[in-house]
Each structure stands twice: as C-alpha cells, then as structure tokens.
Amino acid sequence: MRGGPVLTALLLLAGCGYVAVPGEPLRESSEIGKLAKSCAPVRYCGGIGYVDCGSAVDGPAYYFDRRSGRVAGYCGGNCMGGPCTNCPPPGWTCGRRAL
C-alpha cells in the first residue's frame, strides 16, 4: 500500500473512531461556518466535527454536528470562567481532543 504502515495505522484508527480525521470544509451558511471563518482545519470523528479557533491562546474551540453545522459543544481557553458546555460532546469518541 502506498503511504506505508503509519498511514495504514492512522486509517484503521480513524475508521474505528479513535482518531479525528480531516474532512470537507465548513459550509459558510451553517452556524459553525459563520463562527469559524479563520480557524484551523476541521477534524471529524464520525458525525461530529471539531474546529479550533485559537483555544491555546484564549480563543474558542467548537464541536459541531457534521450534517447540520449546528454547534454541539463550546470550549477553549476563554471558557475558564465557566460558560463552556459539552466539551467534548457525548458522541465524540476520538479522545479528549482532535489531533
């Protein structure tokens, strides 16, 4: 197989729901598309997406429904005061955060 054993292992882990993988870009008309215009590339874990908008430096990070684009969880450095919810949401099975 082209790509070697590392690529093969990542594909197997992604298929089993252990590793979030890159996917299609956000639809600009969706809720998440409007919030995450200048953020890191999206990662997906099954039906849930994750996008980091600078959470390491007090920016937000979002988990969202892949089909609808609706935000399912809001987290990040600016949440230390408490307003964050569902971080990560119950359906996220790819570890604590996206890779």
C-alpha atoms as a PDB file:
ATOM      1  CA  MET A   1       0.000   0.000   0.000  1.00  0.00           C
ATOM      2  CA  ARG A   2       1.252   3.462  -0.807  1.00  0.00           C
ATOM      3  CA  GLY A   3       1.993   5.616   2.239  1.00  0.00           C
ATOM      4  CA  GLY A   4       3.410   2.884   4.426  1.00  0.00           C
ATOM      5  CA  PRO A   5       2.478   1.419   7.777  1.00  0.00           C
ATOM      6  CA  VAL A   6       1.942   4.744   9.585  1.00  0.00           C
ATOM      7  CA  LEU A   7      -0.732   5.842   7.107  1.00  0.00           C
ATOM      8  CA  THR A   8      -2.346   2.419   7.284  1.00  0.00           C
ATOM      9  CA  ALA A   9      -2.452   2.563  11.099  1.00  0.00           C
ATOM     10  CA  LEU A  10      -3.996   6.062  11.074  1.00  0.00           C
ATOM     11  CA  LEU A  11      -6.655   4.973   8.602  1.00  0.00           C
ATOM     12  CA  LEU A  12      -7.527   1.980  10.766  1.00  0.00           C
ATOM     13  CA  LEU A  13      -7.719   4.119  13.920  1.00  0.00           C
ATOM     14  CA  ALA A  14      -9.885   6.695  12.148  1.00  0.00           C
ATOM     15  CA  GLY A  15     -12.226   4.004  10.856  1.00  0.00           C
ATOM     16  CA  CYS A  16     -12.628   2.637  14.370  1.00  0.00           C
ATOM     17  CA  GLY A  17     -13.457   6.042  15.842  1.00  0.00           C
ATOM     18  CA  TYR A  18     -10.214   6.583  17.773  1.00  0.00           C
ATOM     19  CA  VAL A  19      -8.624   9.393  15.758  1.00  0.00           C
ATOM     20  CA  ALA A  20     -10.261  12.504  14.318  1.00  0.00           C
ATOM     21  CA  VAL A  21      -9.516  12.983  10.631  1.00  0.00           C
ATOM     22  CA  PRO A  22      -9.571  15.943   8.240  1.00  0.00           C
ATOM     23  CA  GLY A  23     -12.653  16.329   6.115  1.00  0.00           C
ATOM     24  CA  GLU A  24     -14.666  18.652   3.943  1.00  0.00           C
ATOM     25  CA  PRO A  25     -14.508  22.398   4.652  1.00  0.00           C
ATOM     26  CA  LEU A  26     -17.277  24.156   6.556  1.00  0.00           C
ATOM     27  CA  ARG A  27     -20.355  25.453   4.752  1.00  0.00           C
ATOM     28  CA  GLU A  28     -20.290  29.226   5.173  1.00  0.00           C
ATOM     29  CA  SER A  29     -24.077  29.331   5.601  1.00  0.00           C
ATOM     30  CA  SER A  30     -24.069  26.934   8.590  1.00  0.00           C
ATOM     31  CA  GLU A  31     -23.917  28.044  12.228  1.00  0.00           C
ATOM     32  CA  ILE A  32     -20.346  26.759  12.587  1.00  0.00           C
ATOM     33  CA  GLY A  33     -19.343  28.215   9.216  1.00  0.00           C
ATOM     34  CA  LYS A  34     -20.327  31.681  10.431  1.00  0.00           C
ATOM     35  CA  LEU A  35     -18.425  31.287  13.726  1.00  0.00           C
ATOM     36  CA  ALA A  36     -15.249  29.645  12.481  1.00  0.00           C
ATOM     37  CA  LYS A  37     -14.164  31.648   9.436  1.00  0.00           C
ATOM     38  CA  SER A  38     -10.465  31.998  10.368  1.00  0.00           C
ATOM     39  CA  CYS A  39      -9.802  28.806  12.276  1.00  0.00           C
ATOM     40  CA  ALA A  40      -7.658  25.691  11.988  1.00  0.00           C
ATOM     41  CA  PRO A  41      -8.702  22.960   9.545  1.00  0.00           C
ATOM     42  CA  VAL A  42     -11.717  20.939  10.625  1.00  0.00           C
ATOM     43  CA  ARG A  43     -11.356  17.412  12.038  1.00  0.00           C
ATOM     44  CA  TYR A  44     -14.151  14.857  12.105  1.00  0.00           C
ATOM     45  CA  CYS A  45     -14.960  11.936  14.356  1.00  0.00           C
ATOM     46  CA  GLY A  46     -17.945  10.174  12.865  1.00  0.00           C
ATOM     47  CA  GLY A  47     -20.861  12.609  12.820  1.00  0.00           C
ATOM     48  CA  ILE A  48     -19.139  15.259  14.954  1.00  0.00           C
ATOM     49  CA  GLY A  49     -16.692  17.901  13.798  1.00  0.00           C
ATOM     50  CA  TYR A  50     -14.106  19.862  15.768  1.00  0.00           C
ATOM     51  CA  VAL A  51     -12.569  23.187  14.854  1.00  0.00           C
ATOM     52  CA  ASP A  52     -10.012  25.079  16.929  1.00  0.00           C
ATOM     53  CA  CYS A  53     -10.066  28.863  16.709  1.00  0.00           C
ATOM     54  CA  GLY A  54      -7.066  29.566  18.898  1.00  0.00           C
ATOM     55  CA  SER A  55      -8.093  27.765  22.095  1.00  0.00           C
ATOM     56  CA  ALA A  56      -4.469  27.608  23.283  1.00  0.00           C
ATOM     57  CA  VAL A  57      -4.432  31.420  23.476  1.00  0.00           C
ATOM     58  CA  ASP A  58      -7.900  32.046  24.945  1.00  0.00           C
ATOM     59  CA  GLY A  59      -9.832  31.582  21.714  1.00  0.00           C
ATOM     60  CA  PRO A  60     -12.787  29.221  21.298  1.00  0.00           C
ATOM     61  CA  ALA A  61     -12.929  25.674  20.019  1.00  0.00           C
ATOM     62  CA  TYR A  62     -16.160  24.167  18.747  1.00  0.00           C
ATOM     63  CA  TYR A  63     -17.640  20.697  18.380  1.00  0.00           C
ATOM     64  CA  PHE A  64     -20.485  20.601  15.879  1.00  0.00           C
ATOM     65  CA  ASP A  65     -22.918  18.321  14.095  1.00  0.00           C
ATOM     66  CA  ARG A  66     -21.369  17.325  10.779  1.00  0.00           C
ATOM     67  CA  ARG A  67     -24.648  17.270   8.831  1.00  0.00           C
ATOM     68  CA  SER A  68     -26.369  20.392  10.110  1.00  0.00           C
ATOM     69  CA  GLY A  69     -23.385  22.523  11.109  1.00  0.00           C
ATOM     70  CA  ARG A  70     -25.023  23.317  14.469  1.00  0.00           C
ATOM     71  CA  VAL A  71     -22.694  23.796  17.431  1.00  0.00           C
ATOM     72  CA  ALA A  72     -22.824  20.840  19.843  1.00  0.00           C
ATOM     73  CA  GLY A  73     -20.138  21.987  22.302  1.00  0.00           C
ATOM     74  CA  TYR A  74     -18.174  25.132  23.006  1.00  0.00           C
ATOM     75  CA  CYS A  75     -14.828  25.151  24.781  1.00  0.00           C
ATOM     76  CA  GLY A  76     -11.365  26.666  24.805  1.00  0.00           C
ATOM     77  CA  GLY A  77      -9.145  28.949  26.824  1.00  0.00           C
ATOM     78  CA  ASN A  78     -11.753  31.691  27.102  1.00  0.00           C
ATOM     79  CA  CYS A  79     -14.050  29.286  28.969  1.00  0.00           C
ATOM     80  CA  MET A  80     -12.088  29.156  32.198  1.00  0.00           C
ATOM     81  CA  GLY A  81     -14.766  31.403  33.703  1.00  0.00           C
ATOM     82  CA  GLY A  82     -17.441  28.770  33.138  1.00  0.00           C
ATOM     83  CA  PRO A  83     -19.705  29.307  30.082  1.00  0.00           C
ATOM     84  CA  CYS A  84     -18.479  26.218  28.194  1.00  0.00           C
ATOM     85  CA  THR A  85     -20.740  23.235  27.584  1.00  0.00           C
ATOM     86  CA  ASN A  86     -20.469  19.701  26.211  1.00  0.00           C
ATOM     87  CA  CYS A  87     -16.720  19.663  25.889  1.00  0.00           C
ATOM     88  CA  PRO A  88     -16.374  17.225  24.263  1.00  0.00           C
ATOM     89  CA  PRO A  89     -19.969  16.227  23.493  1.00  0.00           C
ATOM     90  CA  PRO A  90     -21.103  12.684  24.365  1.00  0.00           C
ATOM     91  CA  GLY A  91     -20.820  11.429  20.761  1.00  0.00           C
ATOM     92  CA  TRP A  92     -17.116  12.354  20.447  1.00  0.00           C
ATOM     93  CA  THR A  93     -15.237   9.036  20.663  1.00  0.00           C
ATOM     94  CA  CYS A  94     -11.843  10.147  19.365  1.00  0.00           C
ATOM     95  CA  GLY A  95     -10.184  11.049  22.661  1.00  0.00           C
ATOM     96  CA  ARG A  96     -10.368  14.253  24.644  1.00  0.00           C
ATOM     97  CA  ARG A  97      -9.484  16.499  21.700  1.00  0.00           C
ATOM     98  CA  ALA A  98      -8.954  16.262  17.987  1.00  0.00           C
ATOM     99  CA  LEU A  99      -5.446  15.509  16.728  1.00  0.00           C
END
